[in-house]
Amino acid sequence: QRENLERICHDAKRCQVIVQGLLDFARKREPKFELLQIQDVIEKALQLAVAQPNFLNINVVKQYDETCPRTQADPSQLEQVFLNLVVNAAEAMNGQGTLTISTRKGENSTVEIEVHDTGCGIDAEHMERLFEPFFTTKEGTGTGLGLSISRGIVENHGGSIWVNSIPDKGTSFLINLPASDQGQS
């Protein structure tokens, strides 16, 4: 009976996550913009992620460009994006490998962020559908909403997100956000 109850609790929590994802997807909240340094948001997401057991054997490399301009953004929404990307990366690496997060000043007044993992990569046949709602390559565990919601958040911030991947070599998610014209920090 205990095993059945544990399975019911697990599945109930999974349903809760799916329903919450659907609700978040359906009612896109308007961002509350503030001037921020993107590295600060990434650090908050990393603090949440690295506390999870599947991060024990992952080497996290941070390559932050200190001359990177600030951006006007909603920190909680961008934290959701980065958290999704780093958790996906940990899953793709099966809990071991290297996660590299880079920031840099981009062309045309942008802030560039790259999240690169040394995981299994993404098959070419899945690349075009990766940001579609409800598309997932995670058998039985994914809702297919994380990347779709992340793309929506980035685009609501005037930015863009795309992916480069080589099967069995790793994946890089790249995000461009507009830099603030209020100077650097």
N, C-alpha and C. Protein backbone atom coordinates (compact mmCIF):
# COMPACT_ATOMS: atom_id res chain seq x y z
N GLN A 1 0.82 -1.20 0.00
CA GLN A 1 0.00 0.00 0.00
C GLN A 1 0.87 1.26 0.00
N ARG A 2 1.99 1.17 0.72
CA ARG A 2 2.88 2.34 0.79
C ARG A 2 3.38 2.73 -0.60
N GLU A 3 3.79 1.72 -1.38
CA GLU A 3 4.28 1.99 -2.74
C GLU A 3 3.20 2.65 -3.59
N ASN A 4 1.97 2.16 -3.45
CA ASN A 4 0.86 2.75 -4.21
C ASN A 4 0.61 4.20 -3.80
N LEU A 5 0.66 4.46 -2.49
CA LEU A 5 0.47 5.83 -2.01
C LEU A 5 1.59 6.76 -2.48
N GLU A 6 2.82 6.26 -2.46
CA GLU A 6 3.94 7.06 -2.94
C GLU A 6 3.79 7.36 -4.44
N ARG A 7 3.34 6.37 -5.20
CA ARG A 7 3.12 6.56 -6.63
C ARG A 7 2.01 7.59 -6.86
N ILE A 8 0.94 7.52 -6.08
CA ILE A 8 -0.16 8.47 -6.20
C ILE A 8 0.33 9.88 -5.88
N CYS A 9 1.12 10.02 -4.81
CA CYS A 9 1.66 11.35 -4.45
C CYS A 9 2.56 11.88 -5.56
N HIS A 10 3.41 11.01 -6.08
CA HIS A 10 4.32 11.43 -7.15
C HIS A 10 3.53 11.89 -8.37
N ASP A 11 2.54 11.11 -8.78
CA ASP A 11 1.75 11.46 -9.96
C ASP A 11 0.90 12.70 -9.73
N ALA A 12 0.41 12.88 -8.50
CA ALA A 12 -0.36 14.08 -8.18
C ALA A 12 0.51 15.33 -8.29
N LYS A 13 1.75 15.22 -7.81
CA LYS A 13 2.68 16.36 -7.93
C LYS A 13 3.00 16.64 -9.39
N ARG A 14 3.17 15.58 -10.18
CA ARG A 14 3.44 15.74 -11.60
C ARG A 14 2.26 16.43 -12.29
N CYS A 15 1.05 16.03 -11.94
CA CYS A 15 -0.14 16.68 -12.50
C CYS A 15 -0.19 18.16 -12.12
N GLN A 16 0.19 18.45 -10.88
CA GLN A 16 0.20 19.84 -10.42
C GLN A 16 1.17 20.67 -11.26
N VAL A 17 2.34 20.12 -11.56
CA VAL A 17 3.33 20.82 -12.38
C VAL A 17 2.79 21.05 -13.79
N ILE A 18 2.14 20.05 -14.35
CA ILE A 18 1.59 20.17 -15.70
C ILE A 18 0.50 21.24 -15.73
N VAL A 19 -0.42 21.19 -14.76
CA VAL A 19 -1.50 22.18 -14.71
C VAL A 19 -0.95 23.58 -14.50
N GLN A 20 0.04 23.72 -13.62
CA GLN A 20 0.64 25.04 -13.40
C GLN A 20 1.30 25.54 -14.68
N GLY A 21 1.98 24.66 -15.39
CA GLY A 21 2.57 25.04 -16.67
C GLY A 21 1.54 25.49 -17.67
N LEU A 22 0.42 24.77 -17.73
CA LEU A 22 -0.67 25.17 -18.63
C LEU A 22 -1.23 26.53 -18.25
N LEU A 23 -1.42 26.75 -16.96
CA LEU A 23 -1.93 28.05 -16.51
C LEU A 23 -0.96 29.18 -16.82
N ASP A 24 0.32 28.93 -16.57
CA ASP A 24 1.33 29.95 -16.88
C ASP A 24 1.36 30.23 -18.37
N PHE A 25 1.22 29.18 -19.17
CA PHE A 25 1.24 29.33 -20.62
C PHE A 25 0.02 30.12 -21.10
N ALA A 26 -1.14 29.84 -20.50
CA ALA A 26 -2.39 30.48 -20.93
C ALA A 26 -2.47 31.94 -20.52
N ARG A 27 -1.99 32.28 -19.35
CA ARG A 27 -2.10 33.67 -18.90
C ARG A 27 -0.70 34.27 -18.81
N LYS A 28 -0.25 34.69 -19.93
CA LYS A 28 1.08 35.28 -19.99
C LYS A 28 1.08 36.60 -19.22
N ARG A 29 1.84 36.62 -18.17
CA ARG A 29 1.93 37.79 -17.31
C ARG A 29 2.83 38.84 -17.96
N GLU A 30 2.40 40.08 -17.87
CA GLU A 30 3.21 41.17 -18.41
C GLU A 30 4.47 41.32 -17.56
N PRO A 31 5.61 41.48 -18.21
CA PRO A 31 6.85 41.62 -17.43
C PRO A 31 6.88 42.93 -16.65
N LYS A 32 7.53 42.88 -15.48
CA LYS A 32 7.76 44.08 -14.67
C LYS A 32 9.23 44.42 -14.82
N PHE A 33 9.50 45.35 -15.72
CA PHE A 33 10.87 45.66 -16.10
C PHE A 33 11.60 46.46 -15.04
N GLU A 34 12.87 46.12 -14.88
CA GLU A 34 13.77 46.92 -14.06
C GLU A 34 15.17 46.81 -14.66
N LEU A 35 15.98 47.78 -14.39
CA LEU A 35 17.35 47.78 -14.91
C LEU A 35 18.16 46.77 -14.10
N LEU A 36 18.80 45.84 -14.81
CA LEU A 36 19.54 44.80 -14.09
C LEU A 36 20.75 44.32 -14.87
N GLN A 37 21.64 43.69 -14.14
CA GLN A 37 22.80 43.02 -14.71
C GLN A 37 22.42 41.56 -14.87
N ILE A 38 22.51 41.03 -16.07
CA ILE A 38 22.01 39.69 -16.38
C ILE A 38 22.69 38.60 -15.54
N GLN A 39 23.96 38.80 -15.18
CA GLN A 39 24.67 37.81 -14.38
C GLN A 39 23.99 37.60 -13.02
N ASP A 40 23.40 38.66 -12.46
CA ASP A 40 22.73 38.54 -11.16
C ASP A 40 21.53 37.59 -11.26
N VAL A 41 20.80 37.68 -12.35
CA VAL A 41 19.64 36.81 -12.56
C VAL A 41 20.09 35.37 -12.77
N ILE A 42 21.14 35.19 -13.55
CA ILE A 42 21.67 33.85 -13.79
C ILE A 42 22.12 33.21 -12.48
N GLU A 43 22.79 33.99 -11.63
CA GLU A 43 23.26 33.48 -10.34
C GLU A 43 22.10 32.99 -9.47
N LYS A 44 20.99 33.72 -9.46
CA LYS A 44 19.83 33.29 -8.66
C LYS A 44 19.28 31.97 -9.19
N ALA A 45 19.21 31.84 -10.51
CA ALA A 45 18.71 30.59 -11.10
C ALA A 45 19.66 29.44 -10.77
N LEU A 46 20.96 29.69 -10.84
CA LEU A 46 21.94 28.65 -10.53
C LEU A 46 21.85 28.21 -9.07
N GLN A 47 21.62 29.15 -8.17
CA GLN A 47 21.49 28.80 -6.75
C GLN A 47 20.36 27.80 -6.54
N LEU A 48 19.25 27.99 -7.26
CA LEU A 48 18.13 27.07 -7.15
C LEU A 48 18.46 25.72 -7.78
N ALA A 49 19.12 25.76 -8.93
CA ALA A 49 19.37 24.53 -9.69
C ALA A 49 20.42 23.63 -9.04
N VAL A 50 21.53 24.22 -8.61
CA VAL A 50 22.63 23.38 -8.12
C VAL A 50 22.31 22.68 -6.81
N ALA A 51 21.24 23.07 -6.15
CA ALA A 51 20.82 22.39 -4.92
C ALA A 51 20.15 21.05 -5.22
N GLN A 52 19.82 20.80 -6.47
CA GLN A 52 19.16 19.56 -6.86
C GLN A 52 20.18 18.42 -6.96
N PRO A 53 19.76 17.21 -6.64
CA PRO A 53 20.69 16.06 -6.64
C PRO A 53 21.37 15.80 -7.99
N ASN A 54 20.69 16.08 -9.11
CA ASN A 54 21.31 15.78 -10.41
C ASN A 54 22.41 16.77 -10.79
N PHE A 55 22.74 17.70 -9.90
CA PHE A 55 23.84 18.64 -10.15
C PHE A 55 25.11 18.27 -9.38
N LEU A 56 25.08 17.19 -8.62
CA LEU A 56 26.23 16.82 -7.79
C LEU A 56 27.50 16.60 -8.60
N ASN A 57 27.40 16.01 -9.78
CA ASN A 57 28.57 15.70 -10.60
C ASN A 57 28.66 16.56 -11.86
N ILE A 58 28.08 17.74 -11.78
CA ILE A 58 28.15 18.67 -12.91
C ILE A 58 29.07 19.82 -12.55
N ASN A 59 30.05 20.05 -13.42
CA ASN A 59 30.97 21.16 -13.25
C ASN A 59 30.33 22.38 -13.90
N VAL A 60 30.08 23.42 -13.12
CA VAL A 60 29.48 24.64 -13.64
C VAL A 60 30.59 25.66 -13.87
N VAL A 61 30.73 26.09 -15.12
CA VAL A 61 31.73 27.08 -15.51
C VAL A 61 31.01 28.37 -15.86
N LYS A 62 31.42 29.46 -15.21
CA LYS A 62 30.81 30.76 -15.46
C LYS A 62 31.82 31.64 -16.19
N GLN A 63 31.41 32.14 -17.34
CA GLN A 63 32.26 33.03 -18.12
C GLN A 63 31.50 34.33 -18.34
N TYR A 64 31.49 35.16 -17.30
CA TYR A 64 30.75 36.42 -17.34
C TYR A 64 31.65 37.54 -17.81
N ASP A 65 31.18 38.28 -18.79
CA ASP A 65 31.88 39.47 -19.27
C ASP A 65 31.46 40.64 -18.38
N GLU A 66 32.39 41.12 -17.58
CA GLU A 66 32.07 42.20 -16.64
C GLU A 66 31.76 43.52 -17.33
N THR A 67 32.08 43.64 -18.63
CA THR A 67 31.75 44.86 -19.37
C THR A 67 30.39 44.74 -20.06
N CYS A 68 29.70 43.64 -19.80
CA CYS A 68 28.39 43.40 -20.40
C CYS A 68 27.42 44.49 -19.94
N PRO A 69 26.70 45.11 -20.87
CA PRO A 69 25.76 46.17 -20.47
C PRO A 69 24.57 45.60 -19.69
N ARG A 70 23.90 46.47 -18.99
CA ARG A 70 22.68 46.08 -18.29
C ARG A 70 21.52 46.01 -19.28
N THR A 71 20.42 45.43 -18.82
CA THR A 71 19.23 45.32 -19.65
C THR A 71 18.00 45.65 -18.82
N GLN A 72 16.94 46.07 -19.48
CA GLN A 72 15.66 46.28 -18.82
C GLN A 72 14.90 44.96 -18.92
N ALA A 73 14.61 44.33 -17.79
CA ALA A 73 13.97 43.02 -17.84
C ALA A 73 13.24 42.74 -16.53
N ASP A 74 12.39 41.73 -16.58
CA ASP A 74 11.72 41.22 -15.40
C ASP A 74 12.59 40.10 -14.83
N PRO A 75 13.22 40.32 -13.69
CA PRO A 75 14.16 39.32 -13.18
C PRO A 75 13.52 37.97 -12.89
N SER A 76 12.29 37.94 -12.39
CA SER A 76 11.68 36.65 -12.06
C SER A 76 11.35 35.87 -13.32
N GLN A 77 10.94 36.54 -14.39
CA GLN A 77 10.65 35.83 -15.63
C GLN A 77 11.94 35.29 -16.26
N LEU A 78 12.99 36.10 -16.27
CA LEU A 78 14.25 35.61 -16.85
C LEU A 78 14.86 34.51 -15.99
N GLU A 79 14.68 34.59 -14.69
CA GLU A 79 15.15 33.52 -13.81
C GLU A 79 14.48 32.20 -14.18
N GLN A 80 13.19 32.26 -14.51
CA GLN A 80 12.46 31.07 -14.95
C GLN A 80 13.08 30.49 -16.23
N VAL A 81 13.46 31.38 -17.16
CA VAL A 81 14.09 30.93 -18.41
C VAL A 81 15.40 30.22 -18.12
N PHE A 82 16.27 30.87 -17.34
CA PHE A 82 17.59 30.29 -17.06
C PHE A 82 17.48 29.01 -16.25
N LEU A 83 16.56 28.97 -15.31
CA LEU A 83 16.37 27.76 -14.52
C LEU A 83 15.93 26.61 -15.42
N ASN A 84 15.02 26.88 -16.33
CA ASN A 84 14.58 25.85 -17.28
C ASN A 84 15.75 25.35 -18.12
N LEU A 85 16.57 26.25 -18.62
CA LEU A 85 17.69 25.85 -19.47
C LEU A 85 18.73 25.04 -18.72
N VAL A 86 19.06 25.43 -17.49
CA VAL A 86 20.10 24.69 -16.77
C VAL A 86 19.59 23.34 -16.26
N VAL A 87 18.32 23.26 -15.89
CA VAL A 87 17.76 21.97 -15.48
C VAL A 87 17.68 21.03 -16.68
N ASN A 88 17.26 21.55 -17.83
CA ASN A 88 17.25 20.73 -19.06
C ASN A 88 18.66 20.24 -19.38
N ALA A 89 19.65 21.12 -19.21
CA ALA A 89 21.03 20.75 -19.49
C ALA A 89 21.49 19.62 -18.56
N ALA A 90 21.16 19.72 -17.28
CA ALA A 90 21.55 18.68 -16.32
C ALA A 90 20.92 17.34 -16.70
N GLU A 91 19.66 17.38 -17.13
CA GLU A 91 18.99 16.16 -17.55
C GLU A 91 19.64 15.58 -18.81
N ALA A 92 20.03 16.45 -19.75
CA ALA A 92 20.67 15.99 -20.98
C ALA A 92 22.04 15.37 -20.71
N MET A 93 22.68 15.79 -19.61
CA MET A 93 23.99 15.25 -19.26
C MET A 93 23.89 14.08 -18.29
N ASN A 94 22.67 13.66 -17.98
CA ASN A 94 22.45 12.57 -17.02
C ASN A 94 23.20 12.81 -15.71
N GLY A 95 23.21 14.06 -15.27
CA GLY A 95 23.79 14.37 -13.97
C GLY A 95 25.31 14.44 -13.92
N GLN A 96 26.00 14.38 -15.08
CA GLN A 96 27.45 14.55 -15.05
C GLN A 96 27.94 15.14 -16.37
N GLY A 97 28.86 16.09 -16.24
CA GLY A 97 29.39 16.78 -17.41
C GLY A 97 29.73 18.21 -17.04
N THR A 98 29.80 19.06 -18.05
CA THR A 98 30.14 20.45 -17.82
C THR A 98 29.05 21.35 -18.38
N LEU A 99 28.60 22.26 -17.55
CA LEU A 99 27.63 23.28 -17.92
C LEU A 99 28.37 24.60 -17.94
N THR A 100 28.41 25.26 -19.10
CA THR A 100 29.10 26.54 -19.23
C THR A 100 28.08 27.62 -19.52
N ILE A 101 28.11 28.67 -18.70
CA ILE A 101 27.21 29.80 -18.91
C ILE A 101 28.06 31.03 -19.17
N SER A 102 27.81 31.66 -20.32
CA SER A 102 28.60 32.81 -20.74
C SER A 102 27.70 34.01 -20.97
N THR A 103 28.22 35.19 -20.65
CA THR A 103 27.56 36.44 -21.01
C THR A 103 28.57 37.29 -21.75
N ARG A 104 28.08 38.09 -22.67
CA ARG A 104 28.97 38.99 -23.41
C ARG A 104 28.15 40.11 -24.03
N LYS A 105 28.87 41.14 -24.38
CA LYS A 105 28.28 42.26 -25.08
C LYS A 105 28.11 41.84 -26.53
N GLY A 106 26.89 41.90 -27.04
CA GLY A 106 26.62 41.48 -28.40
C GLY A 106 26.66 42.65 -29.37
N GLU A 107 26.50 42.30 -30.63
CA GLU A 107 26.44 43.34 -31.65
C GLU A 107 25.09 44.06 -31.56
N ASN A 108 25.04 45.27 -32.11
CA ASN A 108 23.79 46.05 -32.18
C ASN A 108 23.15 46.25 -30.82
N SER A 109 23.94 46.59 -29.82
CA SER A 109 23.44 46.90 -28.47
C SER A 109 22.61 45.76 -27.88
N THR A 110 23.20 44.60 -27.81
CA THR A 110 22.52 43.47 -27.19
C THR A 110 23.39 42.86 -26.10
N VAL A 111 22.72 42.12 -25.24
CA VAL A 111 23.37 41.30 -24.23
C VAL A 111 23.19 39.87 -24.70
N GLU A 112 24.27 39.12 -24.82
CA GLU A 112 24.20 37.73 -25.26
C GLU A 112 24.47 36.80 -24.09
N ILE A 113 23.66 35.77 -24.00
CA ILE A 113 23.82 34.74 -22.98
C ILE A 113 23.87 33.40 -23.69
N GLU A 114 24.82 32.57 -23.29
CA GLU A 114 24.91 31.22 -23.85
C GLU A 114 24.93 30.21 -22.72
N VAL A 115 24.08 29.19 -22.84
CA VAL A 115 24.03 28.09 -21.88
C VAL A 115 24.41 26.84 -22.67
N HIS A 116 25.60 26.31 -22.38
CA HIS A 116 26.14 25.18 -23.14
C HIS A 116 26.34 23.97 -22.23
N ASP A 117 25.89 22.81 -22.71
CA ASP A 117 26.10 21.58 -21.95
C ASP A 117 26.86 20.57 -22.79
N THR A 118 27.45 19.59 -22.12
CA THR A 118 28.18 18.52 -22.79
C THR A 118 27.35 17.24 -22.82
N GLY A 119 26.05 17.41 -22.94
CA GLY A 119 25.12 16.29 -22.89
C GLY A 119 24.94 15.57 -24.21
N CYS A 120 23.81 14.91 -24.32
CA CYS A 120 23.53 14.01 -25.44
C CYS A 120 23.19 14.75 -26.74
N GLY A 121 22.95 16.05 -26.67
CA GLY A 121 22.58 16.78 -27.87
C GLY A 121 21.14 16.52 -28.27
N ILE A 122 20.73 17.18 -29.33
CA ILE A 122 19.36 17.09 -29.81
C ILE A 122 19.40 16.61 -31.25
N ASP A 123 18.61 15.58 -31.55
CA ASP A 123 18.56 15.06 -32.91
C ASP A 123 18.03 16.13 -33.86
N ALA A 124 18.57 16.14 -35.08
CA ALA A 124 18.19 17.12 -36.10
C ALA A 124 16.69 17.10 -36.35
N GLU A 125 16.08 15.93 -36.30
CA GLU A 125 14.64 15.83 -36.57
C GLU A 125 13.78 16.56 -35.53
N HIS A 126 14.33 16.84 -34.35
CA HIS A 126 13.59 17.53 -33.30
C HIS A 126 13.85 19.04 -33.26
N MET A 127 14.87 19.49 -33.93
CA MET A 127 15.29 20.90 -33.81
C MET A 127 14.19 21.89 -34.18
N GLU A 128 13.47 21.65 -35.25
CA GLU A 128 12.46 22.61 -35.70
C GLU A 128 11.27 22.67 -34.76
N ARG A 129 11.00 21.63 -34.01
CA ARG A 129 9.83 21.58 -33.15
C ARG A 129 10.14 21.90 -31.69
N LEU A 130 11.39 22.15 -31.40
CA LEU A 130 11.86 22.28 -30.02
C LEU A 130 11.09 23.31 -29.20
N PHE A 131 10.70 24.43 -29.80
CA PHE A 131 10.03 25.50 -29.07
C PHE A 131 8.50 25.44 -29.19
N GLU A 132 7.98 24.38 -29.80
CA GLU A 132 6.53 24.22 -29.94
C GLU A 132 5.93 23.82 -28.60
N PRO A 133 4.75 24.40 -28.26
CA PRO A 133 4.09 23.98 -27.03
C PRO A 133 3.76 22.48 -27.08
N PHE A 134 4.00 21.81 -25.97
CA PHE A 134 3.69 20.40 -25.74
C PHE A 134 4.60 19.43 -26.48
N PHE A 135 5.61 19.92 -27.18
CA PHE A 135 6.57 19.01 -27.81
C PHE A 135 7.64 18.69 -26.79
N THR A 136 7.90 17.41 -26.59
CA THR A 136 8.93 17.00 -25.65
C THR A 136 9.65 15.75 -26.17
N THR A 137 10.91 15.64 -25.81
CA THR A 137 11.67 14.43 -26.11
C THR A 137 11.86 13.60 -24.83
N LYS A 138 11.31 14.09 -23.72
CA LYS A 138 11.45 13.42 -22.43
C LYS A 138 10.29 12.45 -22.23
N GLU A 139 10.54 11.20 -22.45
CA GLU A 139 9.52 10.17 -22.33
C GLU A 139 8.94 10.14 -20.91
N GLY A 140 7.66 10.49 -20.79
CA GLY A 140 6.96 10.35 -19.53
C GLY A 140 7.25 11.39 -18.46
N THR A 141 8.20 12.30 -18.68
CA THR A 141 8.50 13.26 -17.61
C THR A 141 8.30 14.71 -18.02
N GLY A 142 8.44 15.04 -19.28
CA GLY A 142 8.35 16.43 -19.71
C GLY A 142 6.94 16.81 -20.12
N THR A 143 6.62 18.11 -19.95
CA THR A 143 5.32 18.62 -20.37
C THR A 143 5.40 19.26 -21.75
N GLY A 144 6.60 19.59 -22.19
CA GLY A 144 6.74 20.26 -23.47
C GLY A 144 6.41 21.73 -23.42
N LEU A 145 6.39 22.30 -22.22
CA LEU A 145 6.05 23.72 -22.09
C LEU A 145 7.24 24.60 -21.74
N GLY A 146 8.28 24.03 -21.17
CA GLY A 146 9.40 24.82 -20.67
C GLY A 146 10.05 25.71 -21.72
N LEU A 147 10.43 25.13 -22.86
CA LEU A 147 11.09 25.92 -23.89
C LEU A 147 10.13 26.86 -24.60
N SER A 148 8.88 26.44 -24.74
CA SER A 148 7.88 27.30 -25.36
C SER A 148 7.64 28.55 -24.49
N ILE A 149 7.49 28.33 -23.20
CA ILE A 149 7.30 29.46 -22.27
C ILE A 149 8.55 30.33 -22.25
N SER A 150 9.72 29.70 -22.25
CA SER A 150 10.97 30.46 -22.25
C SER A 150 11.08 31.35 -23.48
N ARG A 151 10.74 30.81 -24.63
CA ARG A 151 10.78 31.60 -25.86
C ARG A 151 9.83 32.79 -25.76
N GLY A 152 8.62 32.55 -25.26
CA GLY A 152 7.65 33.63 -25.10
C GLY A 152 8.17 34.73 -24.20
N ILE A 153 8.80 34.35 -23.09
CA ILE A 153 9.35 35.33 -22.15
C ILE A 153 10.45 36.14 -22.84
N VAL A 154 11.37 35.47 -23.50
CA VAL A 154 12.48 36.17 -24.17
C VAL A 154 11.94 37.12 -25.23
N GLU A 155 10.98 36.67 -26.02
CA GLU A 155 10.42 37.53 -27.07
C GLU A 155 9.64 38.70 -26.48
N ASN A 156 8.95 38.49 -25.34
CA ASN A 156 8.28 39.61 -24.66
C ASN A 156 9.26 40.65 -24.14
N HIS A 157 10.51 40.26 -24.00
CA HIS A 157 11.57 41.17 -23.57
C HIS A 157 12.28 41.80 -24.77
N GLY A 158 11.76 41.56 -25.98
CA GLY A 158 12.38 42.12 -27.18
C GLY A 158 13.60 41.36 -27.64
N GLY A 159 13.75 40.13 -27.17
CA GLY A 159 14.93 39.34 -27.49
C GLY A 159 14.63 38.16 -28.39
N SER A 160 15.64 37.31 -28.54
CA SER A 160 15.49 36.11 -29.35
C SER A 160 16.26 34.97 -28.67
N ILE A 161 15.82 33.75 -28.97
CA ILE A 161 16.46 32.55 -28.43
C ILE A 161 16.55 31.53 -29.56
N TRP A 162 17.68 30.86 -29.62
CA TRP A 162 17.85 29.80 -30.61
C TRP A 162 18.80 28.76 -30.04
N VAL A 163 18.92 27.66 -30.77
CA VAL A 163 19.70 26.53 -30.26
C VAL A 163 20.63 26.00 -31.34
N ASN A 164 21.81 25.58 -30.91
CA ASN A 164 22.76 24.83 -31.74
C ASN A 164 23.04 23.54 -31.00
N SER A 165 23.03 22.43 -31.72
CA SER A 165 23.26 21.17 -31.05
C SER A 165 23.90 20.17 -31.99
N ILE A 166 24.77 19.35 -31.42
CA ILE A 166 25.39 18.25 -32.14
C ILE A 166 25.11 17.00 -31.32
N PRO A 167 24.37 16.02 -31.90
CA PRO A 167 24.08 14.80 -31.15
C PRO A 167 25.37 14.16 -30.59
N ASP A 168 25.29 13.75 -29.35
CA ASP A 168 26.38 13.12 -28.60
C ASP A 168 27.53 14.07 -28.26
N LYS A 169 27.39 15.36 -28.55
CA LYS A 169 28.46 16.33 -28.25
C LYS A 169 27.97 17.43 -27.30
N GLY A 170 26.70 17.81 -27.39
CA GLY A 170 26.20 18.85 -26.52
C GLY A 170 25.30 19.84 -27.23
N THR A 171 24.78 20.75 -26.43
CA THR A 171 23.81 21.73 -26.91
C THR A 171 24.14 23.10 -26.34
N SER A 172 23.91 24.13 -27.16
CA SER A 172 24.04 25.52 -26.72
C SER A 172 22.74 26.25 -27.00
N PHE A 173 22.18 26.85 -25.96
CA PHE A 173 21.07 27.76 -26.13
C PHE A 173 21.63 29.16 -26.06
N LEU A 174 21.25 29.99 -27.02
CA LEU A 174 21.76 31.36 -27.09
C LEU A 174 20.59 32.32 -26.99
N ILE A 175 20.76 33.32 -26.17
CA ILE A 175 19.72 34.33 -25.96
C ILE A 175 20.33 35.70 -26.22
N ASN A 176 19.62 36.51 -26.97
CA ASN A 176 19.97 37.92 -27.19
C ASN A 176 18.89 38.77 -26.56
N LEU A 177 19.28 39.73 -25.74
CA LEU A 177 18.34 40.68 -25.14
C LEU A 177 18.83 42.09 -25.44
N PRO A 178 17.90 43.03 -25.60
CA PRO A 178 18.34 44.40 -25.83
C PRO A 178 19.11 44.95 -24.63
N ALA A 179 20.21 45.61 -24.91
CA ALA A 179 20.96 46.27 -23.84
C ALA A 179 20.25 47.57 -23.50
N SER A 180 20.38 47.98 -22.25
CA SER A 180 19.80 49.24 -21.83
C SER A 180 20.67 50.38 -22.34
N ASP A 181 20.04 51.44 -22.80
CA ASP A 181 20.81 52.59 -23.25
C ASP A 181 21.19 53.49 -22.09
N GLN A 182 21.02 52.98 -20.85
CA GLN A 182 21.38 53.75 -19.67
C GLN A 182 22.79 53.43 -19.19
N GLY A 183 23.59 52.80 -20.06
CA GLY A 183 24.99 52.57 -19.72
C GLY A 183 25.24 51.26 -19.01
N GLN A 184 26.49 51.07 -18.63
CA GLN A 184 26.90 49.85 -17.96
C GLN A 184 26.88 50.05 -16.47
N SER A 185 26.91 48.93 -15.75
CA SER A 185 26.94 49.01 -14.29
C SER A 185 28.33 49.24 -13.80
